[in-house]
Protein backbone atom coordinates (compact mmCIF):
# COMPACT_ATOMS: atom_id res chain seq x y z
CA UNK A 1 2.11 74.40 -130.40
CA UNK A 2 -0.95 74.99 -128.95
CA UNK A 3 -1.17 77.03 -126.08
CA UNK A 4 -2.31 76.24 -122.22
CA UNK A 5 -5.96 78.03 -122.50
CA UNK A 6 -6.44 76.10 -126.26
CA UNK A 7 -5.35 72.54 -124.97
CA UNK A 8 -7.71 73.39 -121.75
CA UNK A 9 -10.86 74.06 -124.09
CA UNK A 10 -9.98 71.18 -126.30
CA UNK A 11 -9.41 68.83 -123.72
CA UNK A 12 -12.99 69.62 -122.55
CA UNK A 13 -14.87 69.62 -125.48
CA UNK A 14 -13.33 66.34 -126.30
CA UNK A 15 -14.47 64.98 -122.80
CA UNK A 16 -18.20 66.10 -123.57
CA UNK A 17 -17.49 64.66 -126.98
CA UNK A 18 -16.95 61.04 -125.53
CA UNK A 19 -19.60 61.30 -123.31
CA UNK A 20 -22.34 61.73 -125.45
CA UNK A 21 -20.66 59.35 -127.77
CA UNK A 22 -21.52 62.05 -131.04
CA UNK A 23 -20.19 65.65 -132.06
CA UNK A 24 -20.59 68.17 -129.34
CA UNK A 25 -21.86 70.69 -132.24
CA UNK A 26 -24.47 70.11 -134.65
CA UNK A 27 -24.37 66.72 -133.73
CA UNK A 28 -28.06 65.91 -135.83
CA UNK A 29 -27.78 66.45 -139.25
CA UNK A 30 -28.05 64.64 -143.05
CA UNK A 31 -25.58 64.63 -145.60
CA UNK A 32 -25.75 64.65 -149.06
CA UNK A 33 -23.43 64.01 -152.01
CA UNK A 34 -23.42 66.92 -154.38
CA UNK A 35 -21.66 69.03 -157.01
CA UNK A 36 -20.09 72.36 -157.04
CA UNK A 37 -19.64 74.76 -160.06
CA UNK A 38 -17.48 78.05 -159.94
CA UNK A 39 -18.03 80.31 -162.52
CA UNK A 40 -16.46 83.39 -160.42
CA UNK A 41 -16.19 86.38 -158.72
CA UNK A 42 -18.20 89.02 -160.39
CA UNK A 43 -16.86 92.54 -160.46
CA UNK A 44 -13.22 92.87 -159.31
CA UNK A 45 -11.43 90.01 -158.96
CA UNK A 46 -10.45 89.10 -154.86
CA UNK A 47 -7.34 87.34 -156.25
CA UNK A 48 -8.40 83.95 -154.57
CA UNK A 49 -8.42 81.00 -157.23
CA UNK A 50 -10.90 79.20 -155.99
CA UNK A 51 -13.42 82.23 -155.98
CA UNK A 52 -12.30 83.54 -158.91
CA UNK A 53 -11.52 80.86 -161.49
CA UNK A 54 -14.17 78.33 -163.11
CA UNK A 55 -14.14 74.94 -162.40
CA UNK A 56 -16.25 72.12 -160.68
CA UNK A 57 -15.81 69.08 -158.44
CA UNK A 58 -17.27 66.48 -156.52
CA UNK A 59 -18.54 67.59 -152.78
CA UNK A 60 -19.96 66.56 -149.14
CA UNK A 61 -22.76 68.66 -148.12
CA UNK A 62 -24.38 68.38 -144.26
CA UNK A 63 -26.94 70.71 -143.21
CA UNK A 64 -27.60 70.29 -139.16
CA UNK A 65 -29.12 71.49 -136.36
CA UNK A 66 -26.42 73.00 -133.39
CA UNK A 67 -27.97 72.03 -130.38
CA UNK A 68 -30.24 70.71 -131.88
CA UNK A 69 -34.21 71.30 -130.65
CA UNK A 70 -36.47 69.48 -131.26
CA UNK A 71 -38.43 68.98 -134.77
CA UNK A 72 -38.37 72.47 -136.50
CA UNK A 73 -38.20 74.67 -133.52
CA UNK A 74 -35.62 77.30 -134.01
CA UNK A 75 -32.24 76.72 -134.07
CA UNK A 76 -28.45 77.82 -135.24
CA UNK A 77 -28.68 76.06 -138.79
CA UNK A 78 -25.34 75.11 -140.32
CA UNK A 79 -23.98 74.03 -143.51
CA UNK A 80 -20.55 72.44 -144.12
CA UNK A 81 -19.37 71.99 -147.58
CA UNK A 82 -16.06 69.66 -148.58
CA UNK A 83 -14.48 70.51 -152.30
CA UNK A 84 -12.94 66.87 -153.50
CA UNK A 85 -9.64 68.17 -155.39
CA UNK A 86 -7.96 65.35 -156.08
CA UNK A 87 -4.74 65.01 -155.90
CA UNK A 88 -4.87 68.59 -154.05
CA UNK A 89 -6.60 68.17 -150.64
CA UNK A 90 -9.92 68.97 -149.31
CA UNK A 91 -11.17 72.57 -148.78
CA UNK A 92 -14.41 72.78 -146.16
CA UNK A 93 -16.27 75.64 -146.35
CA UNK A 94 -18.47 76.12 -142.83
CA UNK A 95 -21.45 78.44 -142.43
CA UNK A 96 -24.70 79.30 -139.46
CA UNK A 97 -27.34 80.35 -140.18
CA UNK A 98 -27.27 83.98 -139.83
CA UNK A 99 -28.16 88.01 -141.64
CA UNK A 100 -27.70 88.90 -145.01
CA UNK A 101 -26.93 92.36 -144.35
CA UNK A 102 -23.53 93.69 -143.17
CA UNK A 103 -24.33 94.42 -139.40
CA UNK A 104 -25.93 91.01 -139.03
CA UNK A 105 -23.30 88.41 -141.23
CA UNK A 106 -21.05 87.52 -138.12
CA UNK A 107 -23.49 86.99 -135.58
CA UNK A 108 -25.44 83.00 -135.77
CA UNK A 109 -29.31 83.75 -135.61
CA UNK A 110 -31.62 81.04 -134.82
CA UNK A 111 -34.20 80.40 -137.84
CA UNK A 112 -36.51 77.34 -138.34
CA UNK A 113 -36.36 76.53 -142.30
CA UNK A 114 -33.27 75.30 -143.54
CA UNK A 115 -33.72 77.86 -146.88
CA UNK A 116 -32.18 81.16 -145.70
CA UNK A 117 -29.03 83.09 -145.52
CA UNK A 118 -25.62 81.46 -143.85
CA UNK A 119 -22.67 83.19 -143.35
CA UNK A 120 -18.89 82.12 -142.29
CA UNK A 121 -19.34 84.53 -139.56
CA UNK A 122 -15.75 84.05 -139.01
CA UNK A 123 -13.81 86.95 -141.53
CA UNK A 124 -11.06 85.69 -143.70
CA UNK A 125 -7.99 87.65 -144.99
CA UNK A 126 -7.05 87.82 -148.31
CA UNK A 127 -3.64 89.82 -148.62
CA UNK A 128 -5.20 93.06 -146.28
CA UNK A 129 -8.44 92.46 -147.48
CA UNK A 130 -10.92 90.98 -144.78
CA UNK A 131 -13.47 88.92 -146.60
CA UNK A 132 -16.74 87.27 -145.74
CA UNK A 133 -18.51 83.73 -147.41
CA UNK A 134 -21.73 82.79 -147.22
CA UNK A 135 -24.17 80.28 -148.78
CA UNK A 136 -27.54 81.53 -149.98
CA UNK A 137 -30.68 80.24 -151.08
CA UNK A 138 -31.11 79.92 -154.75
CA UNK A 139 -34.61 81.73 -155.41
CA UNK A 140 -35.10 79.31 -158.72
CA UNK A 141 -34.93 76.12 -157.04
CA UNK A 142 -36.94 73.65 -154.16
CA UNK A 143 -37.39 75.38 -150.95
CA UNK A 144 -35.18 72.78 -148.53
CA UNK A 145 -37.94 72.96 -145.90
CA UNK A 146 -37.99 72.83 -141.88
CA UNK A 147 -36.78 70.47 -139.61
CA UNK A 148 -33.85 67.38 -140.82
CA UNK A 149 -37.09 64.96 -141.80
CA UNK A 150 -38.24 67.56 -144.50
CA UNK A 151 -34.99 67.56 -145.90
CA UNK A 152 -34.77 65.95 -149.89
CA UNK A 153 -34.32 62.31 -149.60
CA UNK A 154 -32.38 63.56 -153.66
CA UNK A 155 -31.83 66.16 -155.60
CA UNK A 156 -30.26 66.13 -159.23
CA UNK A 157 -31.45 68.87 -161.50
CA UNK A 158 -34.79 69.50 -160.37
CA UNK A 159 -33.75 69.36 -156.62
CA UNK A 160 -32.37 72.03 -154.40
CA UNK A 161 -29.29 74.00 -154.89
CA UNK A 162 -26.99 76.59 -152.54
CA UNK A 163 -25.52 79.84 -154.11
CA UNK A 164 -22.17 80.67 -152.97
CA UNK A 165 -21.15 84.18 -152.49
CA UNK A 166 -18.08 86.85 -150.88
CA UNK A 167 -18.46 90.33 -150.18
CA UNK A 168 -16.46 92.19 -147.66
CA UNK A 169 -17.63 93.52 -144.55
CA UNK A 170 -19.75 95.94 -145.78
CA UNK A 171 -20.62 95.24 -148.98
CA UNK A 172 -22.62 93.39 -150.82
CA UNK A 173 -22.82 89.43 -151.42
CA UNK A 174 -21.08 88.81 -154.79
CA UNK A 175 -22.30 85.63 -155.82
CA UNK A 176 -19.10 83.06 -157.51
CA UNK A 177 -20.84 79.61 -157.47
CA UNK A 178 -23.48 77.07 -156.62
CA UNK A 179 -23.71 73.31 -155.16
CA UNK A 180 -26.10 71.15 -156.24
CA UNK A 181 -27.43 68.69 -154.33
CA UNK A 182 -27.67 65.10 -154.88
CA UNK A 183 -28.42 61.61 -153.25
CA UNK A 184 -28.72 61.63 -149.71
CA UNK A 185 -25.95 59.63 -147.67
CA UNK A 186 -26.03 57.33 -144.89
CA UNK A 187 -26.15 57.96 -140.95
CA UNK A 188 -22.73 55.93 -141.39
CA UNK A 189 -21.26 58.01 -143.42
CA UNK A 190 -23.00 61.61 -141.72
CA UNK A 191 -21.52 60.21 -138.59
CA UNK A 192 -17.64 59.95 -139.87
CA UNK A 193 -17.69 63.16 -141.48
CA UNK A 194 -15.21 65.82 -139.83
CA UNK A 195 -15.19 68.88 -141.18
CA UNK A 196 -11.71 71.26 -140.89
CA UNK A 197 -12.89 74.72 -141.51
CA UNK A 198 -9.03 75.95 -140.50
CA UNK A 199 -6.73 73.30 -141.41
CA UNK A 200 -8.87 73.26 -145.00
CA UNK A 201 -9.32 76.63 -145.74
CA UNK A 202 -9.33 77.65 -149.33
CA UNK A 203 -5.69 78.68 -150.79
CA UNK A 204 -5.17 82.49 -150.56
CA UNK A 205 -7.33 82.91 -147.74
CA UNK A 206 -6.49 83.16 -144.19
CA UNK A 207 -7.66 82.85 -141.00
CA UNK A 208 -7.24 85.31 -137.63
CA UNK A 209 -8.37 86.01 -134.36
CA UNK A 210 -10.11 85.07 -131.69
CA UNK A 211 -13.31 83.26 -133.11
CA UNK A 212 -10.65 81.04 -135.96
CA UNK A 213 -9.18 80.14 -132.48
CA UNK A 214 -12.54 79.45 -130.72
CA UNK A 215 -13.60 77.31 -133.98
CA UNK A 216 -10.64 75.61 -133.72
CA UNK A 217 -10.47 74.00 -130.76
CA UNK A 218 -14.25 73.85 -130.19
CA UNK A 219 -14.37 71.19 -133.34
CA UNK A 220 -10.96 69.92 -133.14
CA UNK A 221 -11.56 68.45 -129.36
CA UNK A 222 -15.00 67.01 -129.92
CA UNK A 223 -13.54 65.17 -133.59
CA UNK A 224 -11.05 63.63 -131.60
CA UNK A 225 -13.13 62.54 -128.57
CA UNK A 226 -15.53 60.62 -130.95
CA UNK A 227 -12.28 59.46 -133.05
CA UNK A 228 -12.45 61.48 -136.22
CA UNK A 229 -9.22 62.02 -137.87
CA UNK A 230 -8.94 65.60 -139.46
CA UNK A 231 -7.80 65.74 -142.84
CA UNK A 232 -4.75 67.57 -141.65
CA UNK A 233 -3.45 64.69 -139.38
CA UNK A 234 -1.63 61.93 -140.88
CA UNK A 235 -3.51 58.24 -140.33
CA UNK A 236 -1.80 56.54 -136.76
CA UNK A 237 0.25 53.88 -137.34
């Protein structure tokens, strides 16, 4: 059951989204079809099946600007990845432009270009361990460029690739998979897309703490305000 504080934040966020007729957070973005290839975590396992075990899934990827600022002005950039794991529930990963170093991986940092480091900002718990997830630029693939207008219209084998990685609070990033962007999807699909990083957390991980609470309430309210249904909710009759 939601607390009075979370209900108030959710209602306020939903009202703002209704006034804007759009997302409250990261309203401007581009959505792509993609493929996610997991090869597994190098070194000691995390005991999270999605990170440790090889797999391949179709995916939806959204790159976005947070405010958004004009053109290629600095902004907190975002990447959202949905793994379509039918018949299992989807997994949603959200990351914001940040620093790779331990002291910076929990802080959103404005950036001009889409090529760079994105982290989950909030940490996850796997048993007693605290883990962070990251989306990193693949140095061997083309850059994503600056500004939404420079994002590619198509991907494939020669298109930009993103690397998925995991780390402890102070440890190095350990790559466990990659994301290959495919063709860009239309504006209608972009507008209808609604990520749920709390309800669609990878099995074996759990979220906790004030940052998880804030993300859940500030994302859930705007989604309902613009009529987007959470994947954890049943369709209305």
